[in-house]
Structure formats: C-alpha cells, structure tokens
Amino acid sequence: MAVITASMVAELRGKTDAPMMECKKALTEAEGDMAKAEELLRVKLGSKAGKAASRVTAEGVVAVAAGLDVSAMIEVNCETDFVTKNDSFLALANAAAALVAQHNPADATALGALAYVQDGFGPTLEDVRKGLIGKIGENMSFRRFKRFATGAKVASYLHGTRIGVVVEFAGDEVAAKDVAMHVAAMKPVSLSSADVPAELVARERSVAAAKAADDAALATAAGKPVQSAEIVSKRVEGGVQKFLKEVSLFNQSFVKNDKQTVEQMLKEKATTVHGFTLYVVGEGIEKKVDDFAAEVAAQIAAAKQTV
C-alpha cells in the first residue's frame, strides 16, 4: 500500500482546491498516483470549489450564537437564495457563529483554521466550507462577524435569516428585545444624533443645499421673491436635523408605540442601551444582474455571423 505523505496531500489540494481529507482519500484510492487522484476528485467534485471561488456571494444568512457571557453574530454568504435553505449550509453558518463566540478569531482566515468536521469534511471549518462548495456547487464565504464579550447583557433578534440584530444593554430584557426588533425594522445608523457618521451628515447637508438652490432658481423663474441667505441656511440646517432624528435610534418613534421615542420607552423601562449591531445579508455587495434579452440578442447576432 502506497504511503500518502502530507506534501502529497498539499500538492493535490493546491491543484484542485478540494478539502484536505478528500485529497487524502483520493490519493489513498489512487494508491499515491497524483494524476489518478486528481481525476477521481474531478469526477467526485467536478472542480466546483475552484471554479466557484470567484463567483459573487450576495445571498446568505445571518446566524447568532447567544450565551450568558459571550455571544456572536456572523453573516455567511452564498450565491442563490435556494442554498440559504440547505440544511448543510445552515449548519455551517450556525457552527461558524458558535466558533466565533468560543475562540474569538481575528479574521475570516483565523476562523477558517478552527477545528470543525461536518458532512464528512474537515478537519477545519475552511475544509468544510470548500467541501460544501464542491458538494452543493455554489461559492460560500464568511463575510463578517462580531463577538460580544463586554460584560453587558445581550439581546438578539433574527428576522428570518436575512436580518440579524444584537443589542448590548443593562436593564429590562423585554425592552432590549423590543429595541432589537425595532432596529431590524427601522435600520438606524447610530444610537444618537451625535453618533451619526460625519460623511453621512455632509452628504445630507449637500443634498439639502442643492434642493434649496433648485427652489431658489424656480422662485426666480416664476418672478417670486428670493429668500435671504439666512433663511436658506436655516432651511438647510432644519433638513439636516430632521435627517439626524430619522436615522438615530434614540430619536426614532418606537415601532410598537409611535407616540413615544425609543429613548422615552427605554427611560420608562429603566433600561440603557450601550450599542447595537445590525447585519443585513448582502448589504453593500454588488449583485450581478443578468440581462437575458441582451444575452439572447447577442447569441442571435453571433449565429448570423457564422452563417
């Protein structure tokens, strides 16, 4: 029986991008014949892992691992909504969230190096990921994650599998859970107006100023009196302040009672929210949009050229 060395496994893995254990199995079955082992893997996996690695993963799920002392939330992406309902993919996402909570990896690479076995793949989470790519036929990736271990209590909320929220708080757990649901629905960008990122404020001020300039131009064209620079400035600033209230959690109207703000509700419940984290699947990822009409037209044009 041929001796299968670690360097042989590494060489085959480099050629096929297949999981380590699959490479070892193929080499064993091929009795150490590298070419035959590669052929066996291509038959079994179809080189799917290597081919899929460059495809966009804009779908996926958010998973939360909640604990008394440490919690974690992760976004795991795939290519199509169909795979988000696959039991193996969901198990991978939940396992990844638990590993983040347990081991506090620095990044996706460190997360992938952690020990994990699933569906016959392993011995690391990355090996399982690559194995499932080959098995299911879609690219998958660990996009982002966050671990919560500050000592504050944590409340979490998942809206299906596409939106996840974790709230760090002190006080009433029901109130904190309500805040998590509110964040999922209203998607604030910060706790308070003062915390809204400067670039967002600058963008909103620019939009308000441009609108004021357009209004002034229309007034001039209609022969109406033009507002003074002071009034225009106040209008612009008023628009900015309205925006800040709309995107800051404490100033938003509470979804369960629009007669009070979130801040008022929390005060009533003697609860303090220290921070929140919101993940929306695929947010910020540019999705590929197939133009089927253009594709058909291109195929027809190509066919005509060959006639």
Protein backbone atom coordinates (compact mmCIF):
# COMPACT_ATOMS: atom_id res chain seq x y z
CA MET A 1 0.00 0.00 0.00
CA ALA A 2 1.39 3.41 -1.00
CA VAL A 3 2.41 5.83 1.75
CA ILE A 4 0.44 9.08 1.49
CA THR A 5 2.52 11.99 2.78
CA ALA A 6 1.42 15.44 3.88
CA SER A 7 3.28 17.02 0.97
CA MET A 8 1.35 14.83 -1.49
CA VAL A 9 -1.94 15.92 0.07
CA ALA A 10 -0.86 19.57 -0.07
CA GLU A 11 0.15 19.25 -3.72
CA LEU A 12 -3.18 17.72 -4.72
CA ARG A 13 -5.08 20.30 -2.71
CA GLY A 14 -3.20 23.07 -4.50
CA LYS A 15 -4.15 21.61 -7.87
CA THR A 16 -7.83 21.00 -7.15
CA ASP A 17 -8.76 23.32 -4.26
CA ALA A 18 -10.53 20.31 -2.75
CA PRO A 19 -10.74 19.75 1.05
CA MET A 20 -7.70 18.13 2.71
CA MET A 21 -9.47 14.93 3.74
CA GLU A 22 -10.96 14.50 0.26
CA CYS A 23 -7.46 14.83 -1.20
CA LYS A 24 -6.13 12.20 1.19
CA LYS A 25 -8.99 9.82 0.36
CA ALA A 26 -8.42 10.27 -3.37
CA LEU A 27 -4.68 9.64 -3.05
CA THR A 28 -5.32 6.55 -0.97
CA GLU A 29 -7.81 5.23 -3.52
CA ALA A 30 -5.37 6.02 -6.34
CA GLU A 31 -2.54 4.34 -4.40
CA GLY A 32 -0.46 7.50 -4.49
CA ASP A 33 -0.90 8.18 -8.22
CA MET A 34 -1.26 12.00 -8.33
CA ALA A 35 -2.83 12.16 -11.81
CA LYS A 36 -5.35 9.45 -11.00
CA ALA A 37 -6.20 11.07 -7.66
CA GLU A 38 -6.81 14.39 -9.40
CA GLU A 39 -9.09 12.65 -11.89
CA LEU A 40 -11.01 10.99 -9.06
CA LEU A 41 -11.57 14.35 -7.38
CA ARG A 42 -12.71 15.99 -10.59
CA VAL A 43 -15.23 13.21 -11.08
CA LYS A 44 -16.45 13.50 -7.49
CA LEU A 45 -16.46 17.27 -7.08
CA GLY A 46 -16.33 18.46 -10.67
CA SER A 47 -13.68 21.00 -9.67
CA LYS A 48 -16.59 23.02 -8.36
CA ALA A 49 -14.69 24.57 -5.47
CA GLY A 50 -12.01 26.06 -7.71
CA LYS A 51 -14.46 27.29 -10.33
CA ALA A 52 -16.92 28.73 -7.81
CA ALA A 53 -14.35 30.67 -5.80
CA SER A 54 -14.59 33.80 -7.95
CA ARG A 55 -18.39 33.99 -8.13
CA VAL A 56 -20.28 36.71 -6.25
CA THR A 57 -21.92 35.67 -2.97
CA ALA A 58 -24.63 38.25 -2.40
CA GLU A 59 -27.21 35.93 -0.80
CA GLY A 60 -26.80 34.15 2.50
CA VAL A 61 -27.86 34.06 6.13
CA VAL A 62 -27.16 35.75 9.45
CA ALA A 63 -26.59 33.41 12.40
CA VAL A 64 -26.35 34.23 16.10
CA ALA A 65 -24.75 32.21 18.89
CA ALA A 66 -26.19 33.59 22.14
CA GLY A 67 -24.66 32.82 25.52
CA LEU A 68 -24.74 34.18 29.05
CA ASP A 69 -21.23 35.64 28.94
CA VAL A 70 -20.25 35.61 25.27
CA SER A 71 -22.31 35.90 22.08
CA ALA A 72 -21.52 36.25 18.40
CA MET A 73 -23.18 37.13 15.11
CA ILE A 74 -21.97 36.23 11.63
CA GLU A 75 -23.00 36.74 8.01
CA VAL A 76 -22.30 33.75 5.77
CA ASN A 77 -22.86 34.29 2.06
CA CYS A 78 -23.73 32.10 -0.91
CA GLU A 79 -24.79 32.75 -4.50
CA THR A 80 -28.52 31.99 -4.55
CA ASP A 81 -31.46 32.12 -2.17
CA PHE A 82 -32.05 28.41 -2.82
CA VAL A 83 -28.89 27.44 -0.92
CA THR A 84 -29.90 29.51 2.13
CA LYS A 85 -32.49 26.81 2.84
CA ASN A 86 -29.97 23.96 2.57
CA ASP A 87 -29.52 22.15 5.91
CA SER A 88 -25.77 21.72 5.42
CA PHE A 89 -25.28 25.41 4.65
CA LEU A 90 -27.35 26.43 7.69
CA ALA A 91 -25.37 24.05 9.89
CA LEU A 92 -22.15 25.62 8.62
CA ALA A 93 -23.40 29.13 9.45
CA ASN A 94 -24.54 28.19 12.96
CA ALA A 95 -21.28 26.35 13.63
CA ALA A 96 -19.27 29.36 12.45
CA ALA A 97 -21.19 31.65 14.83
CA ALA A 98 -20.50 29.28 17.74
CA LEU A 99 -16.80 29.09 16.85
CA VAL A 100 -16.55 32.90 16.81
CA ALA A 101 -18.08 33.02 20.29
CA GLN A 102 -15.83 30.27 21.64
CA HIS A 103 -12.49 31.22 20.10
CA ASN A 104 -12.58 34.94 19.20
CA PRO A 105 -10.80 34.61 15.82
CA ALA A 106 -9.14 37.77 14.50
CA ASP A 107 -10.47 37.45 10.96
CA ALA A 108 -12.06 35.09 8.42
CA THR A 109 -8.75 33.30 7.83
CA ALA A 110 -8.34 32.59 11.54
CA LEU A 111 -11.97 31.48 11.73
CA GLY A 112 -11.47 29.07 8.84
CA ALA A 113 -8.47 27.49 10.55
CA LEU A 114 -10.52 26.41 13.60
CA ALA A 115 -11.27 22.72 14.07
CA TYR A 116 -14.63 21.60 12.73
CA VAL A 117 -16.00 18.50 10.99
CA GLN A 118 -19.30 18.25 9.10
CA ASP A 119 -20.79 16.10 6.33
CA GLY A 120 -17.59 14.08 6.12
CA PHE A 121 -15.44 17.18 5.54
CA GLY A 122 -12.78 18.60 7.83
CA PRO A 123 -10.68 18.85 9.91
CA THR A 124 -11.11 22.66 9.78
CA LEU A 125 -14.04 24.98 9.12
CA GLU A 126 -12.33 26.08 5.90
CA ASP A 127 -12.12 22.46 4.74
CA VAL A 128 -15.84 22.06 5.43
CA ARG A 129 -16.58 25.26 3.50
CA LYS A 130 -14.63 24.04 0.48
CA GLY A 131 -16.17 20.60 0.75
CA LEU A 132 -19.69 22.03 0.71
CA ILE A 133 -18.79 24.23 -2.27
CA GLY A 134 -17.89 21.08 -4.16
CA LYS A 135 -20.95 19.20 -2.90
CA ILE A 136 -23.56 21.93 -3.43
CA GLY A 137 -21.93 23.68 -6.38
CA GLU A 138 -22.02 27.27 -5.11
CA ASN A 139 -19.42 29.60 -3.69
CA MET A 140 -19.73 30.35 0.03
CA SER A 141 -17.89 32.85 2.19
CA PHE A 142 -17.67 34.11 5.77
CA ARG A 143 -18.22 37.81 5.14
CA ARG A 144 -18.21 39.44 8.58
CA PHE A 145 -18.70 38.61 12.23
CA LYS A 146 -18.64 40.22 15.65
CA ARG A 147 -18.12 38.80 19.11
CA PHE A 148 -19.82 40.31 22.17
CA ALA A 149 -17.97 39.84 25.46
CA THR A 150 -18.00 43.29 27.09
CA GLY A 151 -19.83 42.22 30.24
CA ALA A 152 -23.05 43.93 29.16
CA LYS A 153 -26.19 41.85 28.74
CA VAL A 154 -27.10 40.96 25.17
CA ALA A 155 -30.45 40.66 23.39
CA SER A 156 -30.66 39.34 19.85
CA TYR A 157 -33.27 39.19 17.12
CA LEU A 158 -33.31 37.40 13.78
CA HIS A 159 -35.84 38.42 11.16
CA GLY A 160 -35.92 35.18 9.20
CA THR A 161 -32.31 34.53 8.28
CA ARG A 162 -31.60 37.73 6.34
CA ILE A 163 -31.54 40.35 9.11
CA GLY A 164 -29.80 39.99 12.45
CA VAL A 165 -29.52 42.41 15.36
CA VAL A 166 -27.60 42.23 18.63
CA VAL A 167 -28.24 44.85 21.33
CA GLU A 168 -25.93 45.40 24.30
CA PHE A 169 -27.89 46.70 27.27
CA ALA A 170 -28.48 46.98 31.01
CA GLY A 171 -31.96 46.69 32.46
CA ASP A 172 -35.15 45.08 31.19
CA GLU A 173 -34.64 42.15 28.80
CA VAL A 174 -38.05 42.52 27.14
CA ALA A 175 -37.38 46.18 26.40
CA ALA A 176 -33.98 45.29 24.92
CA LYS A 177 -35.56 42.59 22.74
CA ASP A 178 -38.11 45.18 21.54
CA VAL A 179 -35.24 47.50 20.64
CA ALA A 180 -33.58 44.73 18.64
CA MET A 181 -36.83 44.21 16.69
CA HIS A 182 -37.11 47.97 16.21
CA VAL A 183 -33.56 48.16 14.80
CA ALA A 184 -34.36 45.36 12.35
CA ALA A 185 -37.43 47.26 11.13
CA MET A 186 -36.15 50.86 11.11
CA LYS A 187 -32.42 50.30 10.48
CA PRO A 188 -30.92 53.26 12.39
CA VAL A 189 -27.26 54.05 11.72
CA SER A 190 -26.33 55.16 15.24
CA LEU A 191 -27.53 55.40 18.83
CA SER A 192 -27.88 59.20 18.91
CA SER A 193 -27.73 62.13 16.51
CA ALA A 194 -24.24 62.95 17.74
CA ASP A 195 -23.03 59.49 16.69
CA VAL A 196 -24.14 59.68 13.02
CA PRO A 197 -21.02 59.39 10.82
CA ALA A 198 -19.70 62.74 9.58
CA GLU A 199 -19.74 61.64 5.94
CA LEU A 200 -23.48 60.92 6.13
CA VAL A 201 -24.15 64.32 7.68
CA ALA A 202 -22.05 66.03 5.00
CA ARG A 203 -23.90 64.17 2.24
CA GLU A 204 -27.29 65.13 3.66
CA ARG A 205 -26.25 68.76 4.03
CA SER A 206 -25.10 68.78 0.41
CA VAL A 207 -28.43 67.34 -0.75
CA ALA A 208 -30.39 69.89 1.30
CA ALA A 209 -28.28 72.76 -0.07
CA ALA A 210 -28.79 71.56 -3.66
CA LYS A 211 -32.55 71.37 -3.11
CA ALA A 212 -32.58 74.88 -1.65
CA ALA A 213 -30.67 76.15 -4.72
CA ASP A 214 -33.18 74.48 -7.06
CA ASP A 215 -36.08 76.02 -5.15
CA ALA A 216 -34.44 79.45 -5.39
CA ALA A 217 -33.98 79.05 -9.16
CA LEU A 218 -37.63 78.08 -9.60
CA ALA A 219 -38.74 81.05 -7.50
CA THR A 220 -36.64 83.42 -9.61
CA ALA A 221 -38.03 81.97 -12.85
CA ALA A 222 -41.57 82.41 -11.55
CA GLY A 223 -40.91 86.01 -10.53
CA LYS A 224 -41.32 85.26 -6.85
CA PRO A 225 -39.19 86.91 -4.15
CA VAL A 226 -35.99 85.03 -3.38
CA GLN A 227 -35.42 84.01 0.24
CA SER A 228 -32.47 85.52 2.06
CA ALA A 229 -29.26 83.57 2.57
CA GLU A 230 -30.04 83.38 6.29
CA ILE A 231 -33.43 81.77 5.70
CA VAL A 232 -31.96 79.34 3.16
CA SER A 233 -29.25 78.38 5.65
CA LYS A 234 -31.87 77.71 8.33
CA ARG A 235 -33.86 75.56 5.89
CA VAL A 236 -30.77 73.52 5.08
CA GLU A 237 -29.90 73.04 8.73
CA GLY A 238 -33.51 72.11 9.51
CA GLY A 239 -33.35 69.41 6.86
CA VAL A 240 -30.13 68.05 8.33
CA GLN A 241 -31.59 67.96 11.85
CA LYS A 242 -34.66 66.11 10.57
CA PHE A 243 -32.39 63.55 8.91
CA LEU A 244 -30.37 63.06 12.11
CA LYS A 245 -33.52 62.30 14.09
CA GLU A 246 -34.73 59.84 11.47
CA VAL A 247 -31.53 57.77 11.46
CA SER A 248 -30.58 57.80 15.16
CA LEU A 249 -32.10 55.06 17.32
CA PHE A 250 -32.96 57.11 20.41
CA ASN A 251 -34.80 59.77 18.38
CA GLN A 252 -36.84 57.38 16.24
CA SER A 253 -40.52 56.78 17.00
CA PHE A 254 -40.80 53.41 18.71
CA VAL A 255 -42.35 50.86 16.31
CA LYS A 256 -44.65 49.43 18.99
CA ASN A 257 -45.88 52.86 20.12
CA ASP A 258 -45.31 55.78 17.76
CA LYS A 259 -46.45 58.20 20.49
CA GLN A 260 -43.05 57.90 22.14
CA THR A 261 -39.45 57.74 21.02
CA VAL A 262 -37.19 54.78 21.67
CA GLU A 263 -35.33 56.89 24.22
CA GLN A 264 -38.58 57.63 26.09
CA MET A 265 -39.56 53.95 26.06
CA LEU A 266 -36.16 52.94 27.46
CA LYS A 267 -36.37 55.55 30.21
CA GLU A 268 -39.83 54.28 31.13
CA LYS A 269 -38.43 50.74 31.37
CA ALA A 270 -35.31 51.83 33.28
CA THR A 271 -33.16 50.33 30.55
CA THR A 272 -29.92 51.56 28.97
CA VAL A 273 -28.76 50.53 25.51
CA HIS A 274 -24.98 50.71 25.11
CA GLY A 275 -24.83 49.75 21.44
CA PHE A 276 -26.32 47.68 18.65
CA THR A 277 -25.04 45.76 15.64
CA LEU A 278 -27.20 45.26 12.55
CA TYR A 279 -26.40 42.82 9.75
CA VAL A 280 -28.48 42.73 6.57
CA VAL A 281 -27.50 39.95 4.18
CA GLY A 282 -25.75 41.20 1.05
CA GLU A 283 -25.80 44.83 2.15
CA GLY A 284 -23.18 46.71 0.13
CA ILE A 285 -22.42 43.77 -2.19
CA GLU A 286 -22.94 44.48 -5.87
CA LYS A 287 -25.15 41.75 -7.27
CA LYS A 288 -24.84 40.51 -10.82
CA VAL A 289 -27.99 41.26 -12.81
CA ASP A 290 -28.43 39.10 -15.89
CA ASP A 291 -29.92 40.89 -18.90
CA PHE A 292 -31.48 37.90 -20.63
CA ALA A 293 -32.85 39.93 -23.55
CA ALA A 294 -29.37 41.30 -24.29
CA GLU A 295 -27.89 37.82 -23.92
CA VAL A 296 -30.36 36.33 -26.44
CA ALA A 297 -29.77 39.22 -28.86
CA ALA A 298 -26.01 38.66 -28.64
CA GLN A 299 -26.44 34.95 -29.32
CA ILE A 300 -28.65 35.66 -32.37
CA ALA A 301 -26.10 38.17 -33.73
CA ALA A 302 -23.29 35.65 -33.24
CA ALA A 303 -25.29 32.97 -35.04
CA LYS A 304 -25.92 35.27 -38.01
CA GLN A 305 -22.19 35.95 -38.34
CA THR A 306 -21.42 32.25 -38.62
CA VAL A 307 -23.99 31.67 -41.38
